[in-house]
PDB file of all heavy atoms in Angstrom:
ATOM      1  N   LEU A   1    -122.009  52.239 -75.751  1.00  0.00           N
ATOM      2  CA  LEU A   1    -122.057  53.348 -76.695  1.00  0.00           C
ATOM      3  C   LEU A   1    -120.824  53.364 -77.587  1.00  0.00           C
ATOM      4  O   LEU A   1    -120.920  53.597 -78.797  1.00  0.00           O
ATOM      5  CB  LEU A   1    -122.172  54.680 -75.941  1.00  0.00           C
ATOM      6  CG  LEU A   1    -123.521  54.972 -75.278  1.00  0.00           C
ATOM      7  CD1 LEU A   1    -123.443  56.238 -74.437  1.00  0.00           C
ATOM      8  CD2 LEU A   1    -124.623  55.102 -76.324  1.00  0.00           C
ATOM      9  N   VAL A   2    -119.669  53.109 -76.992  1.00  0.00           N
ATOM     10  CA  VAL A   2    -118.426  53.066 -77.770  1.00  0.00           C
ATOM     11  C   VAL A   2    -118.489  51.948 -78.797  1.00  0.00           C
ATOM     12  O   VAL A   2    -118.090  52.114 -79.955  1.00  0.00           O
ATOM     13  CB  VAL A   2    -117.203  52.886 -76.842  1.00  0.00           C
ATOM     14  CG1 VAL A   2    -115.953  52.601 -77.666  1.00  0.00           C
ATOM     15  CG2 VAL A   2    -117.002  54.130 -75.988  1.00  0.00           C
ATOM     16  N   LEU A   3    -119.006  50.785 -78.368  1.00  0.00           N
ATOM     17  CA  LEU A   3    -119.127  49.647 -79.276  1.00  0.00           C
ATOM     18  C   LEU A   3    -120.090  49.964 -80.416  1.00  0.00           C
ATOM     19  O   LEU A   3    -119.845  49.613 -81.568  1.00  0.00           O
ATOM     20  CB  LEU A   3    -119.615  48.417 -78.505  1.00  0.00           C
ATOM     21  CG  LEU A   3    -119.797  47.129 -79.329  1.00  0.00           C
ATOM     22  CD1 LEU A   3    -118.461  46.713 -79.940  1.00  0.00           C
ATOM     23  CD2 LEU A   3    -120.357  46.014 -78.449  1.00  0.00           C
ATOM     24  N   LEU A   4    -121.191  50.650 -80.086  1.00  0.00           N
ATOM     25  CA  LEU A   4    -122.180  51.007 -81.098  1.00  0.00           C
ATOM     26  C   LEU A   4    -121.574  51.939 -82.145  1.00  0.00           C
ATOM     27  O   LEU A   4    -121.771  51.759 -83.352  1.00  0.00           O
ATOM     28  CB  LEU A   4    -123.387  51.673 -80.431  1.00  0.00           C
ATOM     29  CG  LEU A   4    -124.544  52.096 -81.355  1.00  0.00           C
ATOM     30  CD1 LEU A   4    -125.107  50.894 -82.095  1.00  0.00           C
ATOM     31  CD2 LEU A   4    -125.632  52.786 -80.561  1.00  0.00           C
ATOM     32  N   VAL A   5    -120.827  52.940 -81.689  1.00  0.00           N
ATOM     33  CA  VAL A   5    -120.166  53.866 -82.606  1.00  0.00           C
ATOM     34  C   VAL A   5    -119.173  53.121 -83.491  1.00  0.00           C
ATOM     35  O   VAL A   5    -119.076  53.360 -84.694  1.00  0.00           O
ATOM     36  CB  VAL A   5    -119.454  54.991 -81.835  1.00  0.00           C
ATOM     37  CG1 VAL A   5    -118.568  55.812 -82.768  1.00  0.00           C
ATOM     38  CG2 VAL A   5    -120.475  55.892 -81.154  1.00  0.00           C
ATOM     39  N   PHE A   6    -118.459  52.164 -82.896  1.00  0.00           N
ATOM     40  CA  PHE A   6    -117.488  51.366 -83.658  1.00  0.00           C
ATOM     41  C   PHE A   6    -118.179  50.554 -84.746  1.00  0.00           C
ATOM     42  O   PHE A   6    -117.716  50.509 -85.888  1.00  0.00           O
ATOM     43  CB  PHE A   6    -116.734  50.429 -82.713  1.00  0.00           C
ATOM     44  CG  PHE A   6    -115.811  49.484 -83.433  1.00  0.00           C
ATOM     45  CD1 PHE A   6    -114.583  49.919 -83.916  1.00  0.00           C
ATOM     46  CD2 PHE A   6    -116.165  48.152 -83.627  1.00  0.00           C
ATOM     47  CE1 PHE A   6    -113.731  49.059 -84.580  1.00  0.00           C
ATOM     48  CE2 PHE A   6    -115.322  47.285 -84.302  1.00  0.00           C
ATOM     49  CZ  PHE A   6    -114.104  47.736 -84.777  1.00  0.00           C
ATOM     50  N   VAL A   7    -119.313  49.954 -84.403  1.00  0.00           N
ATOM     51  CA  VAL A   7    -120.059  49.147 -85.376  1.00  0.00           C
ATOM     52  C   VAL A   7    -120.576  50.019 -86.512  1.00  0.00           C
ATOM     53  O   VAL A   7    -120.502  49.652 -87.692  1.00  0.00           O
ATOM     54  CB  VAL A   7    -121.225  48.400 -84.692  1.00  0.00           C
ATOM     55  CG1 VAL A   7    -122.141  47.778 -85.734  1.00  0.00           C
ATOM     56  CG2 VAL A   7    -120.678  47.337 -83.749  1.00  0.00           C
ATOM     57  N   ILE A   8    -121.101  51.198 -86.168  1.00  0.00           N
ATOM     58  CA  ILE A   8    -121.620  52.111 -87.190  1.00  0.00           C
ATOM     59  C   ILE A   8    -120.497  52.533 -88.137  1.00  0.00           C
ATOM     60  O   ILE A   8    -120.652  52.536 -89.350  1.00  0.00           O
ATOM     61  CB  ILE A   8    -122.277  53.353 -86.538  1.00  0.00           C
ATOM     62  CG1 ILE A   8    -123.568  52.944 -85.827  1.00  0.00           C
ATOM     63  CG2 ILE A   8    -122.561  54.434 -87.586  1.00  0.00           C
ATOM     64  CD1 ILE A   8    -124.195  54.043 -85.008  1.00  0.00           C
ATOM     65  N   ASN A   9    -119.337  52.887 -87.573  1.00  0.00           N
ATOM     66  CA  ASN A   9    -118.209  53.295 -88.401  1.00  0.00           C
ATOM     67  C   ASN A   9    -117.722  52.148 -89.270  1.00  0.00           C
ATOM     68  O   ASN A   9    -117.348  52.339 -90.428  1.00  0.00           O
ATOM     69  CB  ASN A   9    -117.050  53.798 -87.520  1.00  0.00           C
ATOM     70  CG  ASN A   9    -117.359  55.152 -86.903  1.00  0.00           C
ATOM     71  OD1 ASN A   9    -118.153  55.914 -87.438  1.00  0.00           O
ATOM     72  ND2 ASN A   9    -116.727  55.462 -85.790  1.00  0.00           N
ATOM     73  N   LEU A  10    -117.739  50.934 -88.707  1.00  0.00           N
ATOM     74  CA  LEU A  10    -117.311  49.767 -89.462  1.00  0.00           C
ATOM     75  C   LEU A  10    -118.236  49.520 -90.641  1.00  0.00           C
ATOM     76  O   LEU A  10    -117.797  49.236 -91.751  1.00  0.00           O
ATOM     77  CB  LEU A  10    -117.278  48.538 -88.548  1.00  0.00           C
ATOM     78  CG  LEU A  10    -116.754  47.230 -89.170  1.00  0.00           C
ATOM     79  CD1 LEU A  10    -115.297  47.403 -89.591  1.00  0.00           C
ATOM     80  CD2 LEU A  10    -116.879  46.079 -88.180  1.00  0.00           C
ATOM     81  N   ASN A  11    -119.543  49.655 -90.408  1.00  0.00           N
ATOM     82  CA  ASN A  11    -120.513  49.467 -91.486  1.00  0.00           C
ATOM     83  C   ASN A  11    -120.311  50.495 -92.593  1.00  0.00           C
ATOM     84  O   ASN A  11    -120.408  50.186 -93.778  1.00  0.00           O
ATOM     85  CB  ASN A  11    -121.945  49.568 -90.948  1.00  0.00           C
ATOM     86  CG  ASN A  11    -122.341  48.338 -90.131  1.00  0.00           C
ATOM     87  OD1 ASN A  11    -121.747  47.277 -90.285  1.00  0.00           O
ATOM     88  ND2 ASN A  11    -123.320  48.498 -89.267  1.00  0.00           N
ATOM     89  N   ALA A  12    -120.030  51.754 -92.185  1.00  0.00           N
ATOM     90  CA  ALA A  12    -119.816  52.803 -93.173  1.00  0.00           C
ATOM     91  C   ALA A  12    -118.592  52.509 -94.022  1.00  0.00           C
ATOM     92  O   ALA A  12    -118.564  52.771 -95.226  1.00  0.00           O
ATOM     93  CB  ALA A  12    -119.673  54.157 -92.479  1.00  0.00           C
ATOM     94  N   GLN A  13    -117.559  51.937 -93.392  1.00  0.00           N
ATOM     95  CA  GLN A  13    -116.335  51.627 -94.118  1.00  0.00           C
ATOM     96  C   GLN A  13    -116.541  50.480 -95.098  1.00  0.00           C
ATOM     97  O   GLN A  13    -115.780  50.336 -96.054  1.00  0.00           O
ATOM     98  CB  GLN A  13    -115.227  51.283 -93.127  1.00  0.00           C
ATOM     99  CG  GLN A  13    -114.765  52.479 -92.293  1.00  0.00           C
ATOM    100  CD  GLN A  13    -113.835  52.074 -91.165  1.00  0.00           C
ATOM    101  OE1 GLN A  13    -113.482  50.909 -91.050  1.00  0.00           O
ATOM    102  NE2 GLN A  13    -113.456  53.032 -90.344  1.00  0.00           N
ATOM    103  N   GLU A  14    -117.557  49.662 -94.890  1.00  0.00           N
ATOM    104  CA  GLU A  14    -117.790  48.523 -95.774  1.00  0.00           C
ATOM    105  C   GLU A  14    -118.341  48.957 -97.130  1.00  0.00           C
ATOM    106  O   GLU A  14    -118.218  48.239 -98.108  1.00  0.00           O
ATOM    107  CB  GLU A  14    -118.755  47.530 -95.112  1.00  0.00           C
ATOM    108  CG  GLU A  14    -118.130  46.777 -93.944  1.00  0.00           C
ATOM    109  CD  GLU A  14    -119.137  45.904 -93.222  1.00  0.00           C
ATOM    110  OE1 GLU A  14    -120.333  45.963 -93.572  1.00  0.00           O
ATOM    111  OE2 GLU A  14    -118.735  45.182 -92.308  1.00  0.00           O
ATOM    112  N   LEU A  15    -118.983  50.124 -97.186  1.00  0.00           N
ATOM    113  CA  LEU A  15    -119.472  50.630 -98.463  1.00  0.00           C
ATOM    114  C   LEU A  15    -118.294  51.121 -99.296  1.00  0.00           C
ATOM    115  O   LEU A  15    -117.433  51.841 -98.801  1.00  0.00           O
ATOM    116  CB  LEU A  15    -120.442  51.784 -98.253  1.00  0.00           C
ATOM    117  CG  LEU A  15    -121.854  51.465 -97.752  1.00  0.00           C
ATOM    118  CD1 LEU A  15    -122.664  52.745 -97.679  1.00  0.00           C
ATOM    119  CD2 LEU A  15    -122.540  50.454 -98.634  1.00  0.00           C
ATOM    120  N   LYS A  16    -118.277  50.746-100.552  1.00  0.00           N
ATOM    121  CA  LYS A  16    -117.223  51.186-101.461  1.00  0.00           C
ATOM    122  C   LYS A  16    -117.852  51.786-102.703  1.00  0.00           C
ATOM    123  O   LYS A  16    -119.003  51.500-103.044  1.00  0.00           O
ATOM    124  CB  LYS A  16    -116.322  50.008-101.841  1.00  0.00           C
ATOM    125  CG  LYS A  16    -115.554  49.418-100.662  1.00  0.00           C
ATOM    126  CD  LYS A  16    -114.669  48.263-101.115  1.00  0.00           C
ATOM    127  CE  LYS A  16    -113.893  47.682 -99.930  1.00  0.00           C
ATOM    128  NZ  LYS A  16    -113.026  46.535-100.342  1.00  0.00           N
ATOM    129  N   SER A  17    -117.073  52.623-103.378  1.00  0.00           N
ATOM    130  CA  SER A  17    -117.551  53.188-104.634  1.00  0.00           C
ATOM    131  C   SER A  17    -117.853  52.065-105.622  1.00  0.00           C
ATOM    132  O   SER A  17    -117.149  51.050-105.658  1.00  0.00           O
ATOM    133  CB  SER A  17    -116.509  54.131-105.231  1.00  0.00           C
ATOM    134  OG  SER A  17    -116.348  55.275-104.425  1.00  0.00           O
ATOM    135  N   ILE A  18    -118.900  52.267-106.402  1.00  0.00           N
ATOM    136  CA  ILE A  18    -119.292  51.285-107.418  1.00  0.00           C
ATOM    137  C   ILE A  18    -119.127  51.917-108.786  1.00  0.00           C
ATOM    138  O   ILE A  18    -119.742  52.948-109.085  1.00  0.00           O
ATOM    139  CB  ILE A  18    -120.746  50.829-107.208  1.00  0.00           C
ATOM    140  CG1 ILE A  18    -120.911  50.165-105.837  1.00  0.00           C
ATOM    141  CG2 ILE A  18    -121.182  49.883-108.321  1.00  0.00           C
ATOM    142  CD1 ILE A  18    -122.349  49.809-105.491  1.00  0.00           C
ATOM    143  N   ALA A  19    -118.283  51.321-109.607  1.00  0.00           N
ATOM    144  CA  ALA A  19    -118.104  51.805-110.975  1.00  0.00           C
ATOM    145  C   ALA A  19    -119.328  51.441-111.804  1.00  0.00           C
ATOM    146  O   ALA A  19    -119.798  50.304-111.770  1.00  0.00           O
ATOM    147  CB  ALA A  19    -116.846  51.205-111.582  1.00  0.00           C
ATOM    148  N   LEU A  20    -119.848  52.405-112.525  1.00  0.00           N
ATOM    149  CA  LEU A  20    -121.011  52.186-113.374  1.00  0.00           C
ATOM    150  C   LEU A  20    -120.569  51.822-114.785  1.00  0.00           C
ATOM    151  O   LEU A  20    -119.443  52.126-115.205  1.00  0.00           O
ATOM    152  CB  LEU A  20    -121.887  53.435-113.407  1.00  0.00           C
ATOM    153  CG  LEU A  20    -122.460  53.880-112.055  1.00  0.00           C
ATOM    154  CD1 LEU A  20    -123.135  55.242-112.192  1.00  0.00           C
ATOM    155  CD2 LEU A  20    -123.425  52.848-111.502  1.00  0.00           C
ATOM    156  N   ASN A  21    -121.453  51.190-115.515  1.00  0.00           N
ATOM    157  CA  ASN A  21    -121.173  50.831-116.906  1.00  0.00           C
ATOM    158  C   ASN A  21    -121.404  52.043-117.812  1.00  0.00           C
ATOM    159  O   ASN A  21    -122.196  52.937-117.484  1.00  0.00           O
ATOM    160  CB  ASN A  21    -122.080  49.698-117.364  1.00  0.00           C
ATOM    161  CG  ASN A  21    -121.809  48.403-116.631  1.00  0.00           C
ATOM    162  OD1 ASN A  21    -120.736  48.215-116.056  1.00  0.00           O
ATOM    163  ND2 ASN A  21    -122.774  47.499-116.640  1.00  0.00           N
ATOM    164  N   PRO A  22    -120.760  52.082-118.968  1.00  0.00           N
ATOM    165  CA  PRO A  22    -121.105  53.105-119.953  1.00  0.00           C
ATOM    166  C   PRO A  22    -122.584  52.964-120.322  1.00  0.00           C
ATOM    167  O   PRO A  22    -123.118  51.852-120.354  1.00  0.00           O
ATOM    168  CB  PRO A  22    -120.210  52.778-121.151  1.00  0.00           C
ATOM    169  CG  PRO A  22    -119.080  51.988-120.584  1.00  0.00           C
ATOM    170  CD  PRO A  22    -119.674  51.212-119.438  1.00  0.00           C
ATOM    171  N   PRO A  23    -123.269  54.074-120.597  1.00  0.00           N
ATOM    172  CA  PRO A  23    -124.699  53.980-120.917  1.00  0.00           C
ATOM    173  C   PRO A  23    -124.938  53.250-122.232  1.00  0.00           C
ATOM    174  O   PRO A  23    -124.179  53.409-123.189  1.00  0.00           O
ATOM    175  CB  PRO A  23    -125.137  55.446-121.017  1.00  0.00           C
ATOM    176  CG  PRO A  23    -123.880  56.193-121.362  1.00  0.00           C
ATOM    177  CD  PRO A  23    -122.786  55.465-120.648  1.00  0.00           C
ATOM    178  N   ASP A  24    -125.977  52.449-122.259  1.00  0.00           N
ATOM    179  CA  ASP A  24    -126.388  51.765-123.486  1.00  0.00           C
ATOM    180  C   ASP A  24    -127.382  52.674-124.197  1.00  0.00           C
ATOM    181  O   ASP A  24    -128.586  52.624-123.924  1.00  0.00           O
ATOM    182  CB  ASP A  24    -127.017  50.414-123.148  1.00  0.00           C
ATOM    183  CG  ASP A  24    -127.458  49.647-124.396  1.00  0.00           C
ATOM    184  OD1 ASP A  24    -127.271  50.177-125.512  1.00  0.00           O
ATOM    185  OD2 ASP A  24    -128.007  48.545-124.251  1.00  0.00           O
ATOM    186  N   ILE A  25    -126.887  53.493-125.103  1.00  0.00           N
ATOM    187  CA  ILE A  25    -127.746  54.503-125.731  1.00  0.00           C
ATOM    188  C   ILE A  25    -128.651  53.912-126.809  1.00  0.00           C
ATOM    189  O   ILE A  25    -129.474  54.626-127.395  1.00  0.00           O
ATOM    190  CB  ILE A  25    -126.919  55.662-126.318  1.00  0.00           C
ATOM    191  CG1 ILE A  25    -125.955  55.147-127.388  1.00  0.00           C
ATOM    192  CG2 ILE A  25    -126.169  56.393-125.217  1.00  0.00           C
ATOM    193  CD1 ILE A  25    -125.218  56.263-128.116  1.00  0.00           C
ATOM    194  N   ASN A  26    -128.517  52.622-127.069  1.00  0.00           N
ATOM    195  CA  ASN A  26    -129.381  51.973-128.057  1.00  0.00           C
ATOM    196  C   ASN A  26    -130.534  51.196-127.426  1.00  0.00           C
ATOM    197  O   ASN A  26    -131.310  50.557-128.129  1.00  0.00           O
ATOM    198  CB  ASN A  26    -128.544  51.023-128.936  1.00  0.00           C
ATOM    199  CG  ASN A  26    -127.525  51.767-129.770  1.00  0.00           C
ATOM    200  OD1 ASN A  26    -127.853  52.743-130.429  1.00  0.00           O
ATOM    201  ND2 ASN A  26    -126.275  51.324-129.722  1.00  0.00           N
ATOM    202  N   SER A  27    -130.646  51.252-126.109  1.00  0.00           N
ATOM    203  CA  SER A  27    -131.697  50.494-125.430  1.00  0.00           C
ATOM    204  C   SER A  27    -132.992  51.293-125.348  1.00  0.00           C
ATOM    205  O   SER A  27    -132.991  52.519-125.487  1.00  0.00           O
ATOM    206  CB  SER A  27    -131.248  50.109-124.018  1.00  0.00           C
ATOM    207  OG  SER A  27    -131.080  51.277-123.227  1.00  0.00           O
ATOM    208  N   GLY A  28    -134.088  50.593-125.111  1.00  0.00           N
ATOM    209  CA  GLY A  28    -135.352  51.258-124.854  1.00  0.00           C
ATOM    210  C   GLY A  28    -136.164  51.593-126.092  1.00  0.00           C
ATOM    211  O   GLY A  28    -135.758  51.340-127.233  1.00  0.00           O
ATOM    212  N   LEU A  29    -137.326  52.175-125.843  1.00  0.00           N
ATOM    213  CA  LEU A  29    -138.258  52.560-126.889  1.00  0.00           C
ATOM    214  C   LEU A  29    -137.851  53.887-127.518  1.00  0.00           C
ATOM    215  O   LEU A  29    -136.948  54.565-127.028  1.00  0.00           O
ATOM    216  CB  LEU A  29    -139.667  52.691-126.299  1.00  0.00           C
ATOM    217  CG  LEU A  29    -140.224  51.468-125.561  1.00  0.00           C
ATOM    218  CD1 LEU A  29    -141.570  51.817-124.935  1.00  0.00           C
ATOM    219  CD2 LEU A  29    -140.359  50.281-126.504  1.00  0.00           C
ATOM    220  N   THR A  30    -138.528  54.264-128.588  1.00  0.00           N
ATOM    221  CA  THR A  30    -138.344  55.602-129.133  1.00  0.00           C
ATOM    222  C   THR A  30    -138.900  56.618-128.136  1.00  0.00           C
ATOM    223  O   THR A  30    -139.677  56.279-127.232  1.00  0.00           O
ATOM    224  CB  THR A  30    -139.067  55.762-130.476  1.00  0.00           C
ATOM    225  OG1 THR A  30    -140.478  55.699-130.239  1.00  0.00           O
ATOM    226  CG2 THR A  30    -138.655  54.678-131.457  1.00  0.00           C
ATOM    227  N   VAL A  31    -138.513  57.862-128.309  1.00  0.00           N
ATOM    228  CA  VAL A  31    -138.976  58.915-127.398  1.00  0.00           C
ATOM    229  C   VAL A  31    -140.498  58.995-127.383  1.00  0.00           C
ATOM    230  O   VAL A  31    -141.124  59.062-126.316  1.00  0.00           O
ATOM    231  CB  VAL A  31    -138.367  60.278-127.789  1.00  0.00           C
ATOM    232  CG1 VAL A  31    -139.000  61.394-126.959  1.00  0.00           C
ATOM    233  CG2 VAL A  31    -136.866  60.272-127.570  1.00  0.00           C
ATOM    234  N   MET A  32    -141.141  58.969-128.550  1.00  0.00           N
ATOM    235  CA  MET A  32    -142.593  59.094-128.615  1.00  0.00           C
ATOM    236  C   MET A  32    -143.280  57.888-127.993  1.00  0.00           C
ATOM    237  O   MET A  32    -144.311  58.029-127.319  1.00  0.00           O
ATOM    238  CB  MET A  32    -143.041  59.285-130.067  1.00  0.00           C
ATOM    239  CG  MET A  32    -142.554  60.594-130.676  1.00  0.00           C
ATOM    240  SD  MET A  32    -143.095  62.061-129.760  1.00  0.00           S
ATOM    241  CE  MET A  32    -144.789  62.189-130.327  1.00  0.00           C
ATOM    242  N   GLN A  33    -142.713  56.706-128.192  1.00  0.00           N
ATOM    243  CA  GLN A  33    -143.281  55.517-127.551  1.00  0.00           C
ATOM    244  C   GLN A  33    -143.149  55.610-126.029  1.00  0.00           C
ATOM    245  O   GLN A  33    -144.066  55.223-125.294  1.00  0.00           O
ATOM    246  CB  GLN A  33    -142.573  54.268-128.076  1.00  0.00           C
ATOM    247  CG  GLN A  33    -142.910  53.917-129.513  1.00  0.00           C
ATOM    248  CD  GLN A  33    -142.023  52.821-130.081  1.00  0.00           C
ATOM    249  OE1 GLN A  33    -140.900  52.630-129.635  1.00  0.00           O
ATOM    250  NE2 GLN A  33    -142.533  52.095-131.061  1.00  0.00           N
ATOM    251  N   ALA A  34    -142.009  56.136-125.554  1.00  0.00           N
ATOM    252  CA  ALA A  34    -141.816  56.293-124.117  1.00  0.00           C
ATOM    253  C   ALA A  34    -142.847  57.253-123.530  1.00  0.00           C
ATOM    254  O   ALA A  34    -143.431  56.995-122.475  1.00  0.00           O
ATOM    255  CB  ALA A  34    -140.393  56.782-123.832  1.00  0.00           C
ATOM    256  N   PHE A  35    -143.080  58.361-124.230  1.00  0.00           N
ATOM    257  CA  PHE A  35    -144.093  59.305-123.742  1.00  0.00           C
ATOM    258  C   PHE A  35    -145.471  58.654-123.684  1.00  0.00           C
ATOM    259  O   PHE A  35    -146.277  58.953-122.790  1.00  0.00           O
ATOM    260  CB  PHE A  35    -144.134  60.551-124.633  1.00  0.00           C
ATOM    261  CG  PHE A  35    -143.101  61.581-124.289  1.00  0.00           C
ATOM    262  CD1 PHE A  35    -142.183  62.007-125.233  1.00  0.00           C
ATOM    263  CD2 PHE A  35    -143.045  62.132-123.022  1.00  0.00           C
ATOM    264  CE1 PHE A  35    -141.225  62.955-124.920  1.00  0.00           C
ATOM    265  CE2 PHE A  35    -142.098  63.087-122.694  1.00  0.00           C
ATOM    266  CZ  PHE A  35    -141.180  63.501-123.642  1.00  0.00           C
ATOM    267  N   SER A  36    -145.762  57.773-124.621  1.00  0.00           N
ATOM    268  CA  SER A  36    -147.079  57.130-124.643  1.00  0.00           C
ATOM    269  C   SER A  36    -147.273  56.202-123.451  1.00  0.00           C
ATOM    270  O   SER A  36    -148.409  55.876-123.087  1.00  0.00           O
ATOM    271  CB  SER A  36    -147.270  56.355-125.946  1.00  0.00           C
ATOM    272  OG  SER A  36    -146.505  55.161-125.952  1.00  0.00           O
ATOM    273  N   LYS A  37    -146.180  55.772-122.831  1.00  0.00           N
ATOM    274  CA  LYS A  37    -146.260  54.848-121.706  1.00  0.00           C
ATOM    275  C   LYS A  37    -145.968  55.511-120.357  1.00  0.00           C
ATOM    276  O   LYS A  37    -146.053  54.862-119.318  1.00  0.00           O
ATOM    277  CB  LYS A  37    -145.273  53.685-121.912  1.00  0.00           C
ATOM    278  CG  LYS A  37    -145.646  52.777-123.072  1.00  0.00           C
ATOM    279  CD  LYS A  37    -144.682  51.623-123.212  1.00  0.00           C
ATOM    280  CE  LYS A  37    -145.126  50.671-124.308  1.00  0.00           C
ATOM    281  NZ  LYS A  37    -146.412  50.018-123.993  1.00  0.00           N
ATOM    282  N   ARG A  38    -145.624  56.811-120.355  1.00  0.00           N
ATOM    283  CA  ARG A  38    -145.277  57.461-119.107  1.00  0.00           C
ATOM    284  C   ARG A  38    -146.442  57.478-118.127  1.00  0.00           C
ATOM    285  O   ARG A  38    -147.555  57.849-118.478  1.00  0.00           O
ATOM    286  CB  ARG A  38    -144.790  58.894-119.349  1.00  0.00           C
ATOM    287  CG  ARG A  38    -144.047  59.453-118.123  1.00  0.00           C
ATOM    288  CD  ARG A  38    -144.451  60.868-117.775  1.00  0.00           C
ATOM    289  NE  ARG A  38    -145.849  60.996-117.413  1.00  0.00           N
ATOM    290  CZ  ARG A  38    -146.336  60.741-116.200  1.00  0.00           C
ATOM    291  NH1 ARG A  38    -145.568  60.286-115.225  1.00  0.00           N
ATOM    292  NH2 ARG A  38    -147.637  60.888-115.959  1.00  0.00           N
ATOM    293  N   SER A  39    -146.202  57.073-116.894  1.00  0.00           N
ATOM    294  CA  SER A  39    -147.228  57.095-115.853  1.00  0.00           C
ATOM    295  C   SER A  39    -146.532  57.107-114.497  1.00  0.00           C
ATOM    296  O   SER A  39    -145.331  56.847-114.403  1.00  0.00           O
ATOM    297  CB  SER A  39    -148.158  55.881-115.958  1.00  0.00           C
ATOM    298  OG  SER A  39    -147.431  54.691-115.749  1.00  0.00           O
ATOM    299  N   SER A  40    -147.289  57.425-113.451  1.00  0.00           N
ATOM    300  CA  SER A  40    -146.746  57.432-112.095  1.00  0.00           C
ATOM    301  C   SER A  40    -147.201  56.169-111.379  1.00  0.00           C
ATOM    302  O   SER A  40    -148.397  55.953-111.176  1.00  0.00           O
ATOM    303  CB  SER A  40    -147.237  58.671-111.332  1.00  0.00           C
ATOM    304  OG  SER A  40    -146.734  59.846-111.937  1.00  0.00           O
ATOM    305  N   ALA A  41    -146.239  55.339-111.012  1.00  0.00           N
ATOM    306  CA  ALA A  41    -146.554  54.062-110.374  1.00  0.00           C
ATOM    307  C   ALA A  41    -147.023  54.271-108.940  1.00  0.00           C
ATOM    308  O   ALA A  41    -146.635  55.238-108.273  1.00  0.00           O
ATOM    309  CB  ALA A  41    -145.336  53.152-110.393  1.00  0.00           C
ATOM    310  N   SER A  42    -147.843  53.361-108.467  1.00  0.00           N
ATOM    311  CA  SER A  42    -148.337  53.433-107.083  1.00  0.00           C
ATOM    312  C   SER A  42    -147.826  52.288-106.223  1.00  0.00           C
ATOM    313  O   SER A  42    -148.097  52.233-105.028  1.00  0.00           O
ATOM    314  CB  SER A  42    -149.873  53.434-107.066  1.00  0.00           C
ATOM    315  OG  SER A  42    -150.376  52.294-107.735  1.00  0.00           O
ATOM    316  N   ALA A  43    -147.056  51.366-106.814  1.00  0.00           N
ATOM    317  CA  ALA A  43    -146.480  50.256-106.062  1.00  0.00           C
ATOM    318  C   ALA A  43    -145.164  49.864-106.713  1.00  0.00           C
ATOM    319  O   ALA A  43    -145.014  49.946-107.939  1.00  0.00           O
ATOM    320  CB  ALA A  43    -147.428  49.059-106.022  1.00  0.00           C
ATOM    321  N   PHE A  44    -144.215  49.440-105.888  1.00  0.00           N
ATOM    322  CA  PHE A  44    -142.875  49.128-106.364  1.00  0.00           C
ATOM    323  C   PHE A  44    -142.425  47.778-105.819  1.00  0.00           C
ATOM    324  O   PHE A  44    -142.982  47.256-104.852  1.00  0.00           O
ATOM    325  CB  PHE A  44    -141.893  50.223-105.937  1.00  0.00           C
ATOM    326  CG  PHE A  44    -142.214  51.566-106.526  1.00  0.00           C
ATOM    327  CD1 PHE A  44    -143.064  52.448-105.866  1.00  0.00           C
ATOM    328  CD2 PHE A  44    -141.696  51.944-107.745  1.00  0.00           C
ATOM    329  CE1 PHE A  44    -143.384  53.673-106.405  1.00  0.00           C
ATOM    330  CE2 PHE A  44    -142.005  53.169-108.307  1.00  0.00           C
ATOM    331  CZ  PHE A  44    -142.847  54.042-107.640  1.00  0.00           C
TER     332      PHE A  44
END
């Protein structure tokens, strides 16, 4: 049990903050085109 707790804590320590990129505000379709394609996916 002690070893298991140690492994779990070690795994948690391996995660680090990830810096994100500035948003690319010029990407993608126009708003109206995006609405024309909006749907709910059933598989990922």
